[in-house]
Amino acid sequence: MAQSLEAKIVVLGAQGVGKTSLLLRYIKNQFSPASTTSTVGASFMTKRVVDDESDTVVRLQIWDTAGQERFRSISRLYYRGANACILCYSITDLSSFEEMGVWLNELRRNLPPDIILHVVGTKADLVARDPSSREVPFERCIAYVADNLAPGMSSTPPATATPGGMMNHSSGALDGSAETGRGGGGYRQLFAGNSGRDPLDGARSPSSKRSSGFWGQEVGWDCCHEVSAESGEGVEEVFRVITRKLVEQNRAMSQKLISATQTPGGTPGLDGSPW
């Protein structure tokens, strides 16, 4: 029997960057900007996916939060229990990129350090049609992640182009945050079976020693993306990589729990869970 998990993802970013459009493309495969209104507080969507590497069924609970400052205090209420975060900016709007510092401070105050974080530049279709509309080079996003999430990392790999002029660094599976011993929120493990094989066999890439957990941990370059909600380019890949990391992180935490319970005096956590 395959393992099944539930995980919570929060989507943050300035007003108007296209967070809702991103989720509607992923959840419903729709793009209707004329009928899409600004989110008030937060909205909630779910999607059931399968991690192909481990055959794990994952129910994603995705929270779309309001970008307006007047809703920021309310939005904090929706961070609780999150396992992953998508931080959005528009690659055609420098101010939305510069505002990411505000959101990072919010995350630092409200979420634990091993939260899985991906930074997503939206509206890549606009740049594909008019390259002069780009205000944020992709390399700047990578440098920002290195400087703010993993200080001391100085090497920046070259960006690679994907069809439609999009750019990303999705290099495959990463090594979960096994060192911290706790997740952003409790994964809800529904049922599990022993397949008799390592679900991560063959899943690790040359960059798999990196983790996209927060500060104090090394960051994988595949946490930076540029996508288009209009065409759908890159959208599935963002969530595929996040789902892969959620499964790996949960597996690492479960193994740590097993090790703790087998060690005399081991204390996995106050609530008896690995996170």
C-alpha atoms as a PDB file:
ATOM      1  CA  MET A   1       0.000   0.000   0.000  1.00  0.00           C
ATOM      2  CA  ALA A   2       1.385   3.397  -0.945  1.00  0.00           C
ATOM      3  CA  GLN A   3       2.065   6.063   1.623  1.00  0.00           C
ATOM      4  CA  SER A   4      -0.219   9.092   1.775  1.00  0.00           C
ATOM      5  CA  LEU A   5       0.435  12.543   3.216  1.00  0.00           C
ATOM      6  CA  GLU A   6      -1.242  15.883   3.691  1.00  0.00           C
ATOM      7  CA  ALA A   7       0.837  19.052   3.515  1.00  0.00           C
ATOM      8  CA  LYS A   8       0.097  22.753   3.696  1.00  0.00           C
ATOM      9  CA  ILE A   9       1.558  25.317   1.276  1.00  0.00           C
ATOM     10  CA  VAL A  10       1.163  29.079   1.706  1.00  0.00           C
ATOM     11  CA  VAL A  11       1.560  31.448  -1.245  1.00  0.00           C
ATOM     12  CA  LEU A  12       2.836  34.944  -0.446  1.00  0.00           C
ATOM     13  CA  GLY A  13       3.733  38.052  -2.398  1.00  0.00           C
ATOM     14  CA  ALA A  14       2.743  41.595  -3.276  1.00  0.00           C
ATOM     15  CA  GLN A  15      -0.681  42.481  -4.602  1.00  0.00           C
ATOM     16  CA  GLY A  16      -1.096  41.978  -8.325  1.00  0.00           C
ATOM     17  CA  VAL A  17       1.801  39.593  -8.957  1.00  0.00           C
ATOM     18  CA  GLY A  18      -0.585  36.832 -10.024  1.00  0.00           C
ATOM     19  CA  LYS A  19      -0.700  34.482  -7.043  1.00  0.00           C
ATOM     20  CA  THR A  20      -4.343  33.591  -7.600  1.00  0.00           C
ATOM     21  CA  SER A  21      -3.820  33.127 -11.339  1.00  0.00           C
ATOM     22  CA  LEU A  22      -0.878  30.828 -10.599  1.00  0.00           C
ATOM     23  CA  LEU A  23      -3.018  28.620  -8.379  1.00  0.00           C
ATOM     24  CA  LEU A  24      -5.996  28.583 -10.722  1.00  0.00           C
ATOM     25  CA  ARG A  25      -3.696  27.417 -13.506  1.00  0.00           C
ATOM     26  CA  TYR A  26      -2.290  24.655 -11.300  1.00  0.00           C
ATOM     27  CA  ILE A  27      -5.530  23.533  -9.633  1.00  0.00           C
ATOM     28  CA  LYS A  28      -8.066  24.006 -12.433  1.00  0.00           C
ATOM     29  CA  ASN A  29      -5.878  24.559 -15.501  1.00  0.00           C
ATOM     30  CA  GLN A  30      -7.642  27.871 -16.027  1.00  0.00           C
ATOM     31  CA  PHE A  31      -6.505  31.413 -16.794  1.00  0.00           C
ATOM     32  CA  SER A  32      -9.201  34.071 -16.506  1.00  0.00           C
ATOM     33  CA  PRO A  33      -7.606  37.377 -15.458  1.00  0.00           C
ATOM     34  CA  ALA A  34     -10.753  39.363 -16.238  1.00  0.00           C
ATOM     35  CA  SER A  35     -12.743  37.401 -13.655  1.00  0.00           C
ATOM     36  CA  THR A  36      -9.947  37.100 -11.079  1.00  0.00           C
ATOM     37  CA  THR A  37     -10.239  39.556  -8.184  1.00  0.00           C
ATOM     38  CA  SER A  38      -7.785  40.450  -5.437  1.00  0.00           C
ATOM     39  CA  THR A  39      -7.806  37.984  -2.565  1.00  0.00           C
ATOM     40  CA  VAL A  40      -9.328  39.220   0.693  1.00  0.00           C
ATOM     41  CA  GLY A  41      -7.629  37.604   3.674  1.00  0.00           C
ATOM     42  CA  ALA A  42      -6.944  34.198   2.176  1.00  0.00           C
ATOM     43  CA  SER A  43      -8.523  31.505   0.036  1.00  0.00           C
ATOM     44  CA  PHE A  44      -8.027  27.775   0.254  1.00  0.00           C
ATOM     45  CA  MET A  45      -7.613  25.191  -2.507  1.00  0.00           C
ATOM     46  CA  THR A  46      -6.677  21.525  -2.516  1.00  0.00           C
ATOM     47  CA  LYS A  47      -5.143  19.161  -5.011  1.00  0.00           C
ATOM     48  CA  ARG A  48      -4.308  15.480  -4.793  1.00  0.00           C
ATOM     49  CA  VAL A  49      -1.053  14.565  -6.536  1.00  0.00           C
ATOM     50  CA  VAL A  50       1.253  11.570  -6.725  1.00  0.00           C
ATOM     51  CA  ASP A  51       4.994  11.832  -6.216  1.00  0.00           C
ATOM     52  CA  ASP A  52       6.264   9.621  -9.023  1.00  0.00           C
ATOM     53  CA  GLU A  53       9.592   8.876  -7.358  1.00  0.00           C
ATOM     54  CA  SER A  54       8.032   7.251  -4.286  1.00  0.00           C
ATOM     55  CA  ASP A  55       4.425   6.581  -5.371  1.00  0.00           C
ATOM     56  CA  THR A  56       3.343   8.696  -2.413  1.00  0.00           C
ATOM     57  CA  VAL A  57      -0.108  10.252  -2.630  1.00  0.00           C
ATOM     58  CA  VAL A  58       0.054  13.844  -1.390  1.00  0.00           C
ATOM     59  CA  ARG A  59      -2.954  16.022  -0.665  1.00  0.00           C
ATOM     60  CA  LEU A  60      -1.773  19.603  -1.003  1.00  0.00           C
ATOM     61  CA  GLN A  61      -3.644  22.251   0.959  1.00  0.00           C
ATOM     62  CA  ILE A  62      -2.708  25.503  -0.781  1.00  0.00           C
ATOM     63  CA  TRP A  63      -3.466  28.853   0.855  1.00  0.00           C
ATOM     64  CA  ASP A  64      -3.589  31.932  -1.363  1.00  0.00           C
ATOM     65  CA  THR A  65      -2.981  34.972   0.855  1.00  0.00           C
ATOM     66  CA  ALA A  66      -3.812  38.627   0.248  1.00  0.00           C
ATOM     67  CA  GLY A  67      -0.935  40.850  -0.817  1.00  0.00           C
ATOM     68  CA  GLN A  68      -2.341  44.153   0.408  1.00  0.00           C
ATOM     69  CA  GLU A  69      -0.671  45.557   3.499  1.00  0.00           C
ATOM     70  CA  ARG A  70      -3.989  46.080   5.291  1.00  0.00           C
ATOM     71  CA  PHE A  71      -4.571  42.321   5.254  1.00  0.00           C
ATOM     72  CA  ARG A  72      -1.072  41.394   6.387  1.00  0.00           C
ATOM     73  CA  SER A  73      -1.923  40.920  10.050  1.00  0.00           C
ATOM     74  CA  ILE A  74      -4.785  38.633   9.035  1.00  0.00           C
ATOM     75  CA  SER A  75      -2.614  36.682   6.610  1.00  0.00           C
ATOM     76  CA  ARG A  76      -0.284  35.695   9.437  1.00  0.00           C
ATOM     77  CA  LEU A  77      -3.062  33.552  10.846  1.00  0.00           C
ATOM     78  CA  TYR A  78      -2.864  31.345   7.771  1.00  0.00           C
ATOM     79  CA  TYR A  79       0.867  30.648   8.075  1.00  0.00           C
ATOM     80  CA  ARG A  80       0.386  28.315  11.020  1.00  0.00           C
ATOM     81  CA  GLY A  81       1.170  24.697  10.279  1.00  0.00           C
ATOM     82  CA  ALA A  82       2.650  25.380   6.838  1.00  0.00           C
ATOM     83  CA  ASN A  83       5.140  22.869   5.456  1.00  0.00           C
ATOM     84  CA  ALA A  84       6.138  24.900   2.397  1.00  0.00           C
ATOM     85  CA  CYS A  85       5.934  28.438   1.083  1.00  0.00           C
ATOM     86  CA  ILE A  86       5.871  29.919  -2.416  1.00  0.00           C
ATOM     87  CA  LEU A  87       7.092  33.514  -2.462  1.00  0.00           C
ATOM     88  CA  CYS A  88       5.950  35.298  -5.629  1.00  0.00           C
ATOM     89  CA  TYR A  89       7.041  38.425  -7.447  1.00  0.00           C
ATOM     90  CA  SER A  90       6.448  39.712 -10.972  1.00  0.00           C
ATOM     91  CA  ILE A  91       9.502  39.747 -13.212  1.00  0.00           C
ATOM     92  CA  THR A  92       8.006  42.850 -14.844  1.00  0.00           C
ATOM     93  CA  ASP A  93       7.714  44.748 -11.543  1.00  0.00           C
ATOM     94  CA  LEU A  94      10.886  45.535  -9.611  1.00  0.00           C
ATOM     95  CA  SER A  95       8.971  46.840  -6.604  1.00  0.00           C
ATOM     96  CA  SER A  96       7.285  43.459  -6.108  1.00  0.00           C
ATOM     97  CA  PHE A  97      10.723  41.839  -6.042  1.00  0.00           C
ATOM     98  CA  GLU A  98      12.081  44.372  -3.565  1.00  0.00           C
ATOM     99  CA  GLU A  99       9.070  43.763  -1.325  1.00  0.00           C
ATOM    100  CA  MET A 100      10.108  40.134  -0.816  1.00  0.00           C
ATOM    101  CA  GLY A 101      12.232  41.239   2.136  1.00  0.00           C
ATOM    102  CA  VAL A 102       9.047  42.134   3.997  1.00  0.00           C
ATOM    103  CA  TRP A 103       7.610  38.687   3.372  1.00  0.00           C
ATOM    104  CA  LEU A 104      10.825  36.955   4.404  1.00  0.00           C
ATOM    105  CA  ASN A 105      10.734  38.800   7.717  1.00  0.00           C
ATOM    106  CA  GLU A 106       7.148  37.655   8.145  1.00  0.00           C
ATOM    107  CA  LEU A 107       8.166  34.063   7.541  1.00  0.00           C
ATOM    108  CA  ARG A 108      11.079  34.284   9.964  1.00  0.00           C
ATOM    109  CA  ARG A 109       8.750  35.454  12.706  1.00  0.00           C
ATOM    110  CA  ASN A 110       5.974  32.975  12.048  1.00  0.00           C
ATOM    111  CA  LEU A 111       7.477  29.754  10.671  1.00  0.00           C
ATOM    112  CA  PRO A 112      10.278  27.394  11.737  1.00  0.00           C
ATOM    113  CA  PRO A 113      13.601  27.368   9.884  1.00  0.00           C
ATOM    114  CA  ASP A 114      13.094  24.133   7.961  1.00  0.00           C
ATOM    115  CA  ILE A 115      10.107  25.370   5.975  1.00  0.00           C
ATOM    116  CA  ILE A 116      10.497  24.544   2.274  1.00  0.00           C
ATOM    117  CA  LEU A 117      10.697  27.796   0.315  1.00  0.00           C
ATOM    118  CA  HIS A 118      10.463  28.438  -3.414  1.00  0.00           C
ATOM    119  CA  VAL A 119      10.776  31.861  -5.040  1.00  0.00           C
ATOM    120  CA  VAL A 120       8.644  32.217  -8.172  1.00  0.00           C
ATOM    121  CA  GLY A 121       8.799  34.994 -10.742  1.00  0.00           C
ATOM    122  CA  THR A 122       5.445  35.353 -12.496  1.00  0.00           C
ATOM    123  CA  LYS A 123       4.261  36.835 -15.811  1.00  0.00           C
ATOM    124  CA  ALA A 124       7.096  35.375 -17.868  1.00  0.00           C
ATOM    125  CA  ASP A 125       4.777  35.380 -20.881  1.00  0.00           C
ATOM    126  CA  LEU A 126       4.903  39.190 -20.910  1.00  0.00           C
ATOM    127  CA  VAL A 127       8.682  39.094 -21.178  1.00  0.00           C
ATOM    128  CA  ALA A 128       8.496  36.420 -23.867  1.00  0.00           C
ATOM    129  CA  ARG A 129       6.415  38.822 -25.949  1.00  0.00           C
ATOM    130  CA  ASP A 130       8.380  41.946 -25.026  1.00  0.00           C
ATOM    131  CA  PRO A 131      11.848  41.346 -23.526  1.00  0.00           C
ATOM    132  CA  SER A 132      12.151  45.033 -22.651  1.00  0.00           C
ATOM    133  CA  SER A 133       9.374  44.615 -20.070  1.00  0.00           C
ATOM    134  CA  ARG A 134      11.650  42.578 -17.804  1.00  0.00           C
ATOM    135  CA  GLU A 135      12.647  44.478 -14.661  1.00  0.00           C
ATOM    136  CA  VAL A 136      14.128  41.605 -12.645  1.00  0.00           C
ATOM    137  CA  PRO A 137      16.856  39.430 -14.224  1.00  0.00           C
ATOM    138  CA  PHE A 138      16.606  35.785 -13.214  1.00  0.00           C
ATOM    139  CA  GLU A 139      20.191  35.887 -11.983  1.00  0.00           C
ATOM    140  CA  ARG A 140      19.178  38.560  -9.506  1.00  0.00           C
ATOM    141  CA  CYS A 141      16.613  36.206  -8.013  1.00  0.00           C
ATOM    142  CA  ILE A 142      19.250  33.509  -7.579  1.00  0.00           C
ATOM    143  CA  ALA A 143      21.635  35.999  -5.980  1.00  0.00           C
ATOM    144  CA  TYR A 144      18.868  37.193  -3.664  1.00  0.00           C
ATOM    145  CA  VAL A 145      18.121  33.657  -2.509  1.00  0.00           C
ATOM    146  CA  ALA A 146      21.822  32.967  -1.916  1.00  0.00           C
ATOM    147  CA  ASP A 147      22.334  36.212   0.001  1.00  0.00           C
ATOM    148  CA  ASN A 148      19.200  36.059   2.132  1.00  0.00           C
ATOM    149  CA  LEU A 149      18.599  32.356   2.689  1.00  0.00           C
ATOM    150  CA  ALA A 150      22.132  30.974   2.626  1.00  0.00           C
ATOM    151  CA  PRO A 151      24.667  33.729   3.388  1.00  0.00           C
ATOM    152  CA  GLY A 152      28.155  32.790   2.300  1.00  0.00           C
ATOM    153  CA  MET A 153      27.194  31.018  -0.892  1.00  0.00           C
ATOM    154  CA  SER A 154      29.042  32.906  -3.603  1.00  0.00           C
ATOM    155  CA  SER A 155      28.792  30.726  -6.688  1.00  0.00           C
ATOM    156  CA  THR A 156      25.846  31.254  -8.998  1.00  0.00           C
ATOM    157  CA  PRO A 157      25.198  28.599 -11.645  1.00  0.00           C
ATOM    158  CA  PRO A 158      24.315  29.784 -15.127  1.00  0.00           C
ATOM    159  CA  ALA A 159      20.622  30.047 -15.848  1.00  0.00           C
ATOM    160  CA  THR A 160      19.199  27.724 -18.464  1.00  0.00           C
ATOM    161  CA  ALA A 161      16.410  28.683 -20.809  1.00  0.00           C
ATOM    162  CA  THR A 162      13.253  26.663 -21.100  1.00  0.00           C
ATOM    163  CA  PRO A 163      10.667  26.797 -23.919  1.00  0.00           C
ATOM    164  CA  GLY A 164       8.844  30.095 -24.180  1.00  0.00           C
ATOM    165  CA  GLY A 165      11.738  32.087 -22.835  1.00  0.00           C
ATOM    166  CA  MET A 166      11.185  30.966 -19.238  1.00  0.00           C
ATOM    167  CA  MET A 167      14.093  30.247 -16.948  1.00  0.00           C
ATOM    168  CA  ASN A 168      14.448  27.866 -14.051  1.00  0.00           C
ATOM    169  CA  HIS A 169      16.859  25.635 -12.198  1.00  0.00           C
ATOM    170  CA  SER A 170      14.728  22.586 -11.486  1.00  0.00           C
ATOM    171  CA  SER A 171      17.470  20.057 -11.052  1.00  0.00           C
ATOM    172  CA  GLY A 172      15.538  17.257  -9.401  1.00  0.00           C
ATOM    173  CA  ALA A 173      15.148  15.890  -5.907  1.00  0.00           C
ATOM    174  CA  LEU A 174      16.780  17.481  -2.911  1.00  0.00           C
ATOM    175  CA  ASP A 175      17.808  16.207   0.480  1.00  0.00           C
ATOM    176  CA  GLY A 176      15.140  17.116   3.055  1.00  0.00           C
ATOM    177  CA  SER A 177      15.734  19.019   6.270  1.00  0.00           C
ATOM    178  CA  ALA A 178      16.721  15.999   8.309  1.00  0.00           C
ATOM    179  CA  GLU A 179      19.042  17.933  10.606  1.00  0.00           C
ATOM    180  CA  THR A 180      16.401  20.128  12.206  1.00  0.00           C
ATOM    181  CA  GLY A 181      14.089  17.364  13.341  1.00  0.00           C
ATOM    182  CA  ARG A 182      10.885  19.395  12.954  1.00  0.00           C
ATOM    183  CA  GLY A 183       8.737  20.592  10.100  1.00  0.00           C
ATOM    184  CA  GLY A 184       6.868  23.789   9.432  1.00  0.00           C
ATOM    185  CA  GLY A 185       3.662  21.992  10.281  1.00  0.00           C
ATOM    186  CA  GLY A 186       2.650  18.460  11.106  1.00  0.00           C
ATOM    187  CA  TYR A 187       2.303  16.309   8.042  1.00  0.00           C
ATOM    188  CA  ARG A 188      -0.761  14.182   8.321  1.00  0.00           C
ATOM    189  CA  GLN A 189       0.351  10.673   7.469  1.00  0.00           C
ATOM    190  CA  LEU A 190      -2.753   8.732   6.506  1.00  0.00           C
ATOM    191  CA  PHE A 191      -1.467   5.260   5.817  1.00  0.00           C
ATOM    192  CA  ALA A 192       1.731   3.586   4.777  1.00  0.00           C
ATOM    193  CA  GLY A 193       3.043   0.330   3.529  1.00  0.00           C
ATOM    194  CA  ASN A 194       6.464  -1.185   3.093  1.00  0.00           C
ATOM    195  CA  SER A 195       7.296  -1.517  -0.577  1.00  0.00           C
ATOM    196  CA  GLY A 196      10.623  -3.115   0.225  1.00  0.00           C
ATOM    197  CA  ARG A 197      12.608  -0.450  -1.639  1.00  0.00           C
ATOM    198  CA  ASP A 198      14.051   2.966  -1.017  1.00  0.00           C
ATOM    199  CA  PRO A 199      11.527   5.405  -2.536  1.00  0.00           C
ATOM    200  CA  LEU A 200      14.381   7.814  -3.221  1.00  0.00           C
ATOM    201  CA  ASP A 201      16.463   5.396  -5.276  1.00  0.00           C
ATOM    202  CA  GLY A 202      17.436   7.091  -8.510  1.00  0.00           C
ATOM    203  CA  ALA A 203      15.757  10.326  -7.481  1.00  0.00           C
ATOM    204  CA  ARG A 204      18.759  12.299  -6.361  1.00  0.00           C
ATOM    205  CA  SER A 205      20.548  14.673  -8.668  1.00  0.00           C
ATOM    206  CA  PRO A 206      24.114  16.016  -8.326  1.00  0.00           C
ATOM    207  CA  SER A 207      22.632  18.855  -6.285  1.00  0.00           C
ATOM    208  CA  SER A 208      20.791  16.550  -3.903  1.00  0.00           C
ATOM    209  CA  LYS A 209      23.048  17.383  -0.985  1.00  0.00           C
ATOM    210  CA  ARG A 210      21.518  20.835  -0.874  1.00  0.00           C
ATOM    211  CA  SER A 211      18.386  21.681   1.068  1.00  0.00           C
ATOM    212  CA  SER A 212      15.914  24.460   0.377  1.00  0.00           C
ATOM    213  CA  GLY A 213      15.157  24.905   4.053  1.00  0.00           C
ATOM    214  CA  PHE A 214      15.614  28.418   5.395  1.00  0.00           C
ATOM    215  CA  TRP A 215      18.539  30.272   6.910  1.00  0.00           C
ATOM    216  CA  GLY A 216      21.423  28.239   8.236  1.00  0.00           C
ATOM    217  CA  GLN A 217      20.950  25.563   5.595  1.00  0.00           C
ATOM    218  CA  GLU A 218      22.319  25.248   2.097  1.00  0.00           C
ATOM    219  CA  VAL A 219      19.873  26.205  -0.613  1.00  0.00           C
ATOM    220  CA  GLY A 220      19.232  24.218  -3.766  1.00  0.00           C
ATOM    221  CA  TRP A 221      19.175  26.239  -6.954  1.00  0.00           C
ATOM    222  CA  ASP A 222      15.936  24.579  -8.008  1.00  0.00           C
ATOM    223  CA  CYS A 223      14.005  26.751  -5.561  1.00  0.00           C
ATOM    224  CA  CYS A 224      14.048  29.625  -8.104  1.00  0.00           C
ATOM    225  CA  HIS A 225      11.561  29.609 -10.982  1.00  0.00           C
ATOM    226  CA  GLU A 226      10.018  31.820 -13.622  1.00  0.00           C
ATOM    227  CA  VAL A 227       6.539  30.824 -14.767  1.00  0.00           C
ATOM    228  CA  SER A 228       3.537  31.931 -16.784  1.00  0.00           C
ATOM    229  CA  ALA A 229       0.015  31.418 -15.486  1.00  0.00           C
ATOM    230  CA  GLU A 230      -1.245  32.421 -18.926  1.00  0.00           C
ATOM    231  CA  SER A 231       0.480  29.614 -20.834  1.00  0.00           C
ATOM    232  CA  GLY A 232       1.055  27.288 -17.867  1.00  0.00           C
ATOM    233  CA  GLU A 233       4.785  27.185 -18.613  1.00  0.00           C
ATOM    234  CA  GLY A 234       6.723  26.073 -15.528  1.00  0.00           C
ATOM    235  CA  VAL A 235       3.726  25.937 -13.185  1.00  0.00           C
ATOM    236  CA  GLU A 236       3.496  22.151 -12.817  1.00  0.00           C
ATOM    237  CA  GLU A 237       7.251  21.949 -12.306  1.00  0.00           C
ATOM    238  CA  VAL A 238       7.145  24.278  -9.301  1.00  0.00           C
ATOM    239  CA  PHE A 239       4.671  22.075  -7.482  1.00  0.00           C
ATOM    240  CA  ARG A 240       6.310  18.856  -8.639  1.00  0.00           C
ATOM    241  CA  VAL A 241       9.603  19.853  -7.035  1.00  0.00           C
ATOM    242  CA  ILE A 242       7.912  21.083  -3.865  1.00  0.00           C
ATOM    243  CA  THR A 243       5.941  17.842  -3.575  1.00  0.00           C
ATOM    244  CA  ARG A 244       9.147  15.839  -4.005  1.00  0.00           C
ATOM    245  CA  LYS A 245      10.797  17.792  -1.204  1.00  0.00           C
ATOM    246  CA  LEU A 246       7.787  17.395   1.075  1.00  0.00           C
ATOM    247  CA  VAL A 247       7.939  13.633   0.640  1.00  0.00           C
ATOM    248  CA  GLU A 248      11.692  13.556   1.255  1.00  0.00           C
ATOM    249  CA  GLN A 249      11.433  15.784   4.304  1.00  0.00           C
ATOM    250  CA  ASN A 250       8.676  13.668   5.805  1.00  0.00           C
ATOM    251  CA  ARG A 251      10.672  10.516   5.145  1.00  0.00           C
ATOM    252  CA  ALA A 252      13.768  11.981   6.816  1.00  0.00           C
ATOM    253  CA  MET A 253      11.754  13.083   9.827  1.00  0.00           C
ATOM    254  CA  SER A 254      10.090   9.695  10.139  1.00  0.00           C
ATOM    255  CA  GLN A 255      13.485   8.008  10.092  1.00  0.00           C
ATOM    256  CA  LYS A 256      14.715  10.373  12.774  1.00  0.00           C
ATOM    257  CA  LEU A 257      11.678   9.552  14.895  1.00  0.00           C
ATOM    258  CA  ILE A 258      12.360   5.836  14.525  1.00  0.00           C
ATOM    259  CA  SER A 259      15.997   6.362  15.512  1.00  0.00           C
ATOM    260  CA  ALA A 260      14.966   8.437  18.523  1.00  0.00           C
ATOM    261  CA  THR A 261      12.514   5.833  19.774  1.00  0.00           C
ATOM    262  CA  GLN A 262      15.135   3.111  19.404  1.00  0.00           C
ATOM    263  CA  THR A 263      17.686   5.111  21.406  1.00  0.00           C
ATOM    264  CA  PRO A 264      17.384   4.831  25.210  1.00  0.00           C
ATOM    265  CA  GLY A 265      16.178   8.146  26.546  1.00  0.00           C
ATOM    266  CA  GLY A 266      15.392   9.427  23.042  1.00  0.00           C
ATOM    267  CA  THR A 267      12.751  12.134  22.937  1.00  0.00           C
ATOM    268  CA  PRO A 268      11.352  12.709  19.443  1.00  0.00           C
ATOM    269  CA  GLY A 269       9.187  15.646  20.481  1.00  0.00           C
ATOM    270  CA  LEU A 270       6.861  16.910  23.158  1.00  0.00           C
ATOM    271  CA  ASP A 271       3.847  15.751  21.192  1.00  0.00           C
ATOM    272  CA  GLY A 272       5.413  12.448  20.197  1.00  0.00           C
ATOM    273  CA  SER A 273       5.770  13.447  16.547  1.00  0.00           C
ATOM    274  CA  PRO A 274       8.971  14.028  14.530  1.00  0.00           C
ATOM    275  CA  TRP A 275       7.881  17.593  13.777  1.00  0.00           C
END
